Amino acid sequence: MVLVLNGFYVFLSSVLSFALIMLFVAFFILGERKVLGYMQIRKGPNKVGLVGLFQSFADLMKLVVKFKVSLFQGRSWLAWSGVFLLVLLACSYCVLFSYGLSGFSSCNVLLWFLVVTSVTGYSLLSVGWGSYNKYALLSCVRSAFGSVTFEACFMCVVVISALVVGGYSLWGLAEDVWGLALVVAPCYALWLVGILCECNRTPFDYAEAESELVSGLNTEYCNVPFTCLFACEYLIMFIFSWLTSVLFFSGVLVVVLSLLHVVFFVWARGTLPRVRYDYFVGFMWRWALLVFVFSLFLVV
């Protein structure tokens, strides 16, 4: 009976977390567009509703209504399976987000985060490979290899956190006031680079490099599939902002630091130029992993 109640509580909290995060995503997209507009000395969206508050919902309606003629669909069943898998991964992140701080047998939540993150590459490969488009194919290969790079860094950070705290539970990380970022500051800086790549954000948005790949993964997508890809990207960005705050700072300021990391994504998009892919991969595999491994031995 206790297990059933705990399962129902986790399910209910996961659904509520998904709804709240998606509501946050809607207003964050609006805020991002406004901030980017002012950074480029222009106005952002301000016509739909009071000061443009309903712009994201209008865009959602426009995306859902659009459609392609069935005979001109450039996607296969593999592409659809990739979209469904990415949505499943986003829901899994929400489950782990609610389960990590629930206190119910959450001793291995960091390991489950690692498992879910490792599946991201397969979803991206399916989305691009099944599109029958050379730009999408090149995009999915680059993005999947970048995801593998991030997984190696994520694994090192999880091991370092487990050594410092004494387990893979997020409950202990959230309750204890300590700062891993102060202990291994280079790891924190490299982690920020990694989450920019994992969340497909500038300057490491190799899956959607418009100047090179004509939007990459999104080339053959519209209406509901495009909305799912777009929303999942922002949802994963919020999850990793929260996870970064818990892993490296923890304590009572997790919410504030999570919002600061979300603002960091906007700042990076508005100011930093895109880095060449070969430079990024070479740096991550030659130097970043060495820094993580050295920090691991330092903590030990």
Protein backbone atom coordinates (compact mmCIF):
# COMPACT_ATOMS: atom_id res chain seq x y z
CA MET A 1 0.00 0.00 0.00
CA VAL A 2 2.84 2.36 0.86
CA LEU A 3 4.52 1.64 -2.49
CA VAL A 4 1.29 2.40 -4.34
CA LEU A 5 0.86 5.70 -2.52
CA ASN A 6 4.48 6.64 -3.17
CA GLY A 7 4.11 5.76 -6.85
CA PHE A 8 0.93 7.83 -7.11
CA TYR A 9 2.65 10.74 -5.39
CA VAL A 10 5.62 10.59 -7.78
CA PHE A 11 3.29 10.35 -10.80
CA LEU A 12 1.20 13.31 -9.64
CA SER A 13 4.27 15.40 -8.85
CA SER A 14 5.77 14.49 -12.25
CA VAL A 15 2.65 15.63 -14.12
CA LEU A 16 2.57 18.84 -12.10
CA SER A 17 6.29 19.40 -12.75
CA PHE A 18 5.77 18.89 -16.49
CA ALA A 19 2.88 21.38 -16.56
CA LEU A 20 4.76 24.00 -14.55
CA ILE A 21 7.95 23.63 -16.60
CA MET A 22 6.04 23.94 -19.87
CA LEU A 23 4.31 27.09 -18.55
CA PHE A 24 7.73 28.42 -17.60
CA VAL A 25 9.01 27.53 -21.08
CA ALA A 26 6.22 29.53 -22.72
CA PHE A 27 7.04 32.70 -20.80
CA PHE A 28 10.78 32.09 -20.99
CA ILE A 29 10.61 32.02 -24.81
CA LEU A 30 8.81 35.37 -24.66
CA GLY A 31 11.37 36.77 -22.22
CA GLU A 32 14.24 35.51 -24.35
CA ARG A 33 12.86 37.17 -27.45
CA LYS A 34 12.36 40.44 -25.56
CA VAL A 35 15.89 40.39 -24.10
CA LEU A 36 17.46 39.52 -27.46
CA GLY A 37 15.48 42.34 -29.03
CA TYR A 38 16.78 44.91 -26.58
CA MET A 39 20.33 43.52 -26.90
CA GLN A 40 20.07 44.14 -30.66
CA ILE A 41 18.52 47.61 -30.16
CA ARG A 42 15.04 46.67 -31.36
CA LYS A 43 11.71 45.84 -29.78
CA GLY A 44 10.72 42.27 -29.04
CA PRO A 45 7.17 40.89 -29.42
CA ASN A 46 4.71 43.41 -27.90
CA LYS A 47 1.47 43.19 -29.89
CA VAL A 48 -0.35 40.03 -28.78
CA GLY A 49 -2.00 40.69 -25.42
CA LEU A 50 -0.71 43.09 -22.76
CA VAL A 51 2.93 43.94 -23.67
CA GLY A 52 3.00 40.73 -25.72
CA LEU A 53 2.32 38.28 -22.87
CA PHE A 54 0.27 35.97 -25.11
CA GLN A 55 2.77 35.89 -27.99
CA SER A 56 4.03 32.39 -27.12
CA PHE A 57 0.50 30.98 -27.05
CA ALA A 58 -0.28 32.63 -30.41
CA ASP A 59 2.88 31.08 -31.86
CA LEU A 60 1.82 27.69 -30.48
CA MET A 61 -1.56 27.94 -32.19
CA LYS A 62 0.11 28.96 -35.46
CA LEU A 63 2.52 26.00 -35.29
CA VAL A 64 -0.23 23.49 -34.52
CA VAL A 65 -2.47 24.72 -37.35
CA LYS A 66 0.26 24.51 -40.00
CA PHE A 67 0.59 21.22 -41.91
CA LYS A 68 2.26 19.62 -44.89
CA VAL A 69 0.58 17.74 -47.71
CA SER A 70 1.05 14.02 -47.04
CA LEU A 71 2.64 13.30 -50.42
CA PHE A 72 5.34 15.91 -49.73
CA GLN A 73 6.33 14.62 -46.29
CA GLY A 74 10.09 14.16 -46.21
CA ARG A 75 10.17 11.96 -43.12
CA SER A 76 10.05 8.24 -42.40
CA TRP A 77 8.89 6.19 -39.43
CA LEU A 78 12.41 6.54 -38.00
CA ALA A 79 11.98 10.30 -37.78
CA TRP A 80 8.66 9.94 -36.00
CA SER A 81 10.15 7.45 -33.55
CA GLY A 82 12.94 9.94 -32.83
CA VAL A 83 10.40 12.66 -32.01
CA PHE A 84 8.46 10.31 -29.73
CA LEU A 85 11.69 9.23 -28.04
CA LEU A 86 12.69 12.84 -27.43
CA VAL A 87 9.29 13.57 -25.87
CA LEU A 88 9.71 10.46 -23.71
CA LEU A 89 13.13 11.71 -22.61
CA ALA A 90 11.65 15.10 -21.69
CA CYS A 91 8.97 13.36 -19.60
CA SER A 92 11.68 11.21 -17.98
CA TYR A 93 13.58 14.35 -17.02
CA CYS A 94 10.42 15.67 -15.39
CA VAL A 95 9.98 12.40 -13.47
CA LEU A 96 13.57 12.55 -12.24
CA PHE A 97 13.15 16.24 -11.40
CA SER A 98 10.21 15.48 -9.13
CA TYR A 99 11.60 12.18 -7.87
CA GLY A 100 15.04 13.56 -7.04
CA LEU A 101 13.74 15.75 -4.23
CA SER A 102 10.82 13.60 -3.10
CA GLY A 103 12.83 11.67 -0.51
CA PHE A 104 11.35 8.32 -1.56
CA SER A 105 14.25 5.93 -2.26
CA SER A 106 16.03 8.52 -4.42
CA CYS A 107 19.51 7.21 -3.68
CA ASN A 108 20.51 6.68 -7.34
CA VAL A 109 18.84 9.59 -9.10
CA LEU A 110 22.11 10.91 -10.53
CA LEU A 111 22.74 7.55 -12.17
CA TRP A 112 19.28 7.63 -13.71
CA PHE A 113 20.01 11.12 -15.02
CA LEU A 114 23.10 9.66 -16.66
CA VAL A 115 21.03 6.86 -18.23
CA VAL A 116 18.41 9.26 -19.63
CA THR A 117 21.09 11.60 -20.98
CA SER A 118 22.80 8.72 -22.79
CA VAL A 119 19.65 8.05 -24.83
CA THR A 120 19.54 11.60 -26.21
CA GLY A 121 22.02 10.74 -28.96
CA TYR A 122 19.76 7.98 -30.29
CA SER A 123 16.76 10.31 -30.49
CA LEU A 124 18.77 12.94 -32.37
CA LEU A 125 20.13 10.35 -34.79
CA SER A 126 16.61 9.09 -35.49
CA VAL A 127 15.23 12.60 -35.98
CA GLY A 128 17.91 13.56 -38.51
CA TRP A 129 18.53 10.25 -40.23
CA GLY A 130 14.85 9.67 -40.95
CA SER A 131 14.35 13.07 -42.57
CA TYR A 132 15.81 12.15 -46.01
CA ASN A 133 17.75 15.41 -45.94
CA LYS A 134 21.53 15.83 -46.16
CA TYR A 135 21.51 18.86 -43.87
CA ALA A 136 19.52 16.99 -41.23
CA LEU A 137 21.81 13.95 -41.54
CA LEU A 138 24.96 16.01 -41.04
CA SER A 139 23.26 17.83 -38.18
CA CYS A 140 22.22 14.67 -36.35
CA VAL A 141 25.70 13.14 -36.64
CA ARG A 142 27.35 16.27 -35.24
CA SER A 143 24.79 16.62 -32.46
CA ALA A 144 24.94 12.95 -31.46
CA PHE A 145 28.74 13.03 -31.24
CA GLY A 146 28.52 16.21 -29.15
CA SER A 147 26.05 14.43 -26.88
CA VAL A 148 28.54 11.58 -26.41
CA THR A 149 31.18 14.15 -25.47
CA PHE A 150 28.85 15.65 -22.88
CA GLU A 151 28.03 12.22 -21.45
CA ALA A 152 31.72 11.60 -20.72
CA CYS A 153 31.95 14.94 -18.89
CA PHE A 154 28.64 14.30 -17.10
CA MET A 155 29.92 10.94 -15.88
CA CYS A 156 33.01 12.56 -14.36
CA VAL A 157 30.91 15.24 -12.63
CA VAL A 158 28.53 12.61 -11.21
CA VAL A 159 31.46 10.60 -9.82
CA ILE A 160 33.03 13.74 -8.31
CA SER A 161 29.71 14.70 -6.68
CA ALA A 162 29.27 11.17 -5.33
CA LEU A 163 32.77 11.23 -3.81
CA VAL A 164 32.16 14.58 -2.13
CA VAL A 165 28.66 13.86 -0.83
CA GLY A 166 28.98 10.11 -0.32
CA GLY A 167 26.24 8.92 -2.67
CA TYR A 168 24.28 9.49 -5.86
CA SER A 169 21.26 11.07 -4.17
CA LEU A 170 20.10 14.58 -5.01
CA TRP A 171 18.43 14.77 -1.61
CA GLY A 172 21.79 15.03 0.11
CA LEU A 173 23.00 17.57 -2.43
CA ALA A 174 19.99 19.80 -1.90
CA GLU A 175 20.08 19.61 1.90
CA ASP A 176 23.80 20.23 2.43
CA VAL A 177 25.16 23.71 1.89
CA TRP A 178 28.41 23.28 -0.04
CA GLY A 179 29.87 24.49 -3.30
CA LEU A 180 31.51 22.05 -5.66
CA ALA A 181 32.10 24.96 -8.04
CA LEU A 182 34.51 26.45 -5.49
CA VAL A 183 36.39 23.14 -5.13
CA VAL A 184 36.77 22.40 -8.83
CA ALA A 185 36.16 25.71 -10.60
CA PRO A 186 37.55 24.56 -14.00
CA CYS A 187 35.04 21.68 -14.00
CA TYR A 188 32.20 24.15 -13.49
CA ALA A 189 33.36 26.29 -16.42
CA LEU A 190 33.69 23.25 -18.69
CA TRP A 191 30.32 21.96 -17.48
CA LEU A 192 28.70 25.20 -18.68
CA VAL A 193 30.26 24.61 -22.10
CA GLY A 194 28.91 21.05 -22.06
CA ILE A 195 25.32 21.98 -21.20
CA LEU A 196 25.31 24.60 -23.96
CA CYS A 197 26.16 21.81 -26.41
CA GLU A 198 23.73 19.30 -24.87
CA CYS A 199 20.86 21.79 -24.93
CA ASN A 200 21.75 22.82 -28.49
CA ARG A 201 22.36 26.46 -27.66
CA THR A 202 24.63 29.09 -29.20
CA PRO A 203 27.63 29.05 -29.59
CA PHE A 204 27.48 25.24 -29.72
CA ASP A 205 24.14 24.77 -31.52
CA TYR A 206 25.58 22.29 -34.02
CA ALA A 207 22.20 20.67 -34.62
CA GLU A 208 20.58 23.90 -35.86
CA ALA A 209 23.44 25.94 -37.30
CA GLU A 210 21.30 28.01 -39.68
CA SER A 211 24.26 29.56 -41.47
CA GLU A 212 25.61 26.09 -42.34
CA LEU A 213 22.79 23.56 -42.23
CA VAL A 214 19.58 25.47 -43.07
CA SER A 215 18.20 24.80 -39.57
CA GLY A 216 19.58 21.25 -39.50
CA LEU A 217 17.31 18.87 -37.62
CA ASN A 218 14.22 21.06 -38.07
CA THR A 219 14.44 21.29 -41.85
CA GLU A 220 11.72 18.73 -42.61
CA TYR A 221 9.49 19.38 -39.58
CA CYS A 222 6.47 21.57 -39.03
CA ASN A 223 3.33 21.85 -36.84
CA VAL A 224 3.22 19.33 -33.95
CA PRO A 225 6.60 17.55 -34.52
CA PHE A 226 8.44 20.87 -34.73
CA THR A 227 6.62 22.08 -31.61
CA CYS A 228 7.71 18.94 -29.74
CA LEU A 229 11.36 19.39 -30.79
CA PHE A 230 11.30 23.07 -29.88
CA ALA A 231 9.56 22.63 -26.50
CA CYS A 232 11.71 19.64 -25.47
CA GLU A 233 14.86 21.66 -26.12
CA TYR A 234 13.73 24.40 -23.73
CA LEU A 235 12.48 21.90 -21.16
CA ILE A 236 15.84 20.10 -21.11
CA MET A 237 17.54 23.48 -20.80
CA PHE A 238 15.56 24.25 -17.65
CA ILE A 239 16.28 20.80 -16.20
CA PHE A 240 20.01 21.18 -16.72
CA SER A 241 19.95 24.69 -15.26
CA TRP A 242 18.39 23.26 -12.11
CA LEU A 243 20.74 20.26 -12.09
CA THR A 244 23.78 22.55 -12.44
CA SER A 245 22.66 24.57 -9.43
CA VAL A 246 22.16 21.42 -7.36
CA LEU A 247 25.43 19.78 -8.36
CA PHE A 248 27.76 22.73 -8.04
CA PHE A 249 26.14 25.04 -5.47
CA SER A 250 23.21 23.36 -3.68
CA GLY A 251 21.88 24.86 -0.45
CA VAL A 252 18.90 27.16 -0.18
CA LEU A 253 19.64 29.26 -3.28
CA VAL A 254 18.94 26.53 -5.85
CA VAL A 255 15.91 28.32 -7.33
CA VAL A 256 17.71 31.65 -7.72
CA LEU A 257 20.80 30.01 -9.19
CA SER A 258 18.65 27.97 -11.58
CA LEU A 259 17.14 31.17 -12.95
CA LEU A 260 20.61 32.69 -13.26
CA HIS A 261 21.75 29.72 -15.30
CA VAL A 262 18.68 30.10 -17.53
CA VAL A 263 19.65 33.75 -18.06
CA PHE A 264 23.15 32.51 -18.92
CA PHE A 265 21.67 30.61 -21.89
CA VAL A 266 20.08 33.83 -23.17
CA TRP A 267 23.28 35.83 -22.69
CA ALA A 268 25.32 33.20 -24.54
CA ARG A 269 22.90 33.25 -27.47
CA GLY A 270 22.95 37.03 -27.73
CA THR A 271 26.69 37.64 -27.41
CA LEU A 272 28.89 34.66 -28.31
CA PRO A 273 29.80 33.67 -31.90
CA ARG A 274 29.51 30.08 -33.05
CA VAL A 275 32.67 28.00 -32.60
CA ARG A 276 33.89 25.71 -35.35
CA TYR A 277 32.82 22.13 -34.71
CA ASP A 278 36.27 20.57 -35.09
CA TYR A 279 37.74 23.08 -32.63
CA PHE A 280 35.04 22.29 -30.07
CA VAL A 281 35.38 18.50 -30.36
CA GLY A 282 39.17 18.65 -30.22
CA PHE A 283 39.10 20.88 -27.13
CA MET A 284 36.58 18.71 -25.28
CA TRP A 285 38.33 15.41 -25.94
CA ARG A 286 41.92 16.62 -25.59
CA TRP A 287 41.68 19.07 -22.71
CA ALA A 288 38.27 19.08 -21.02
CA LEU A 289 38.25 15.37 -20.20
CA LEU A 290 41.79 15.65 -18.85
CA VAL A 291 40.67 18.44 -16.52
CA PHE A 292 37.71 16.37 -15.32
CA VAL A 293 39.87 13.30 -14.71
CA PHE A 294 42.52 15.37 -12.90
CA SER A 295 39.80 16.93 -10.72
CA LEU A 296 38.50 13.44 -9.98
CA PHE A 297 41.88 12.36 -8.66
CA LEU A 298 42.17 15.66 -6.77
CA VAL A 299 38.91 15.03 -4.95
CA VAL A 300 39.92 11.46 -4.15
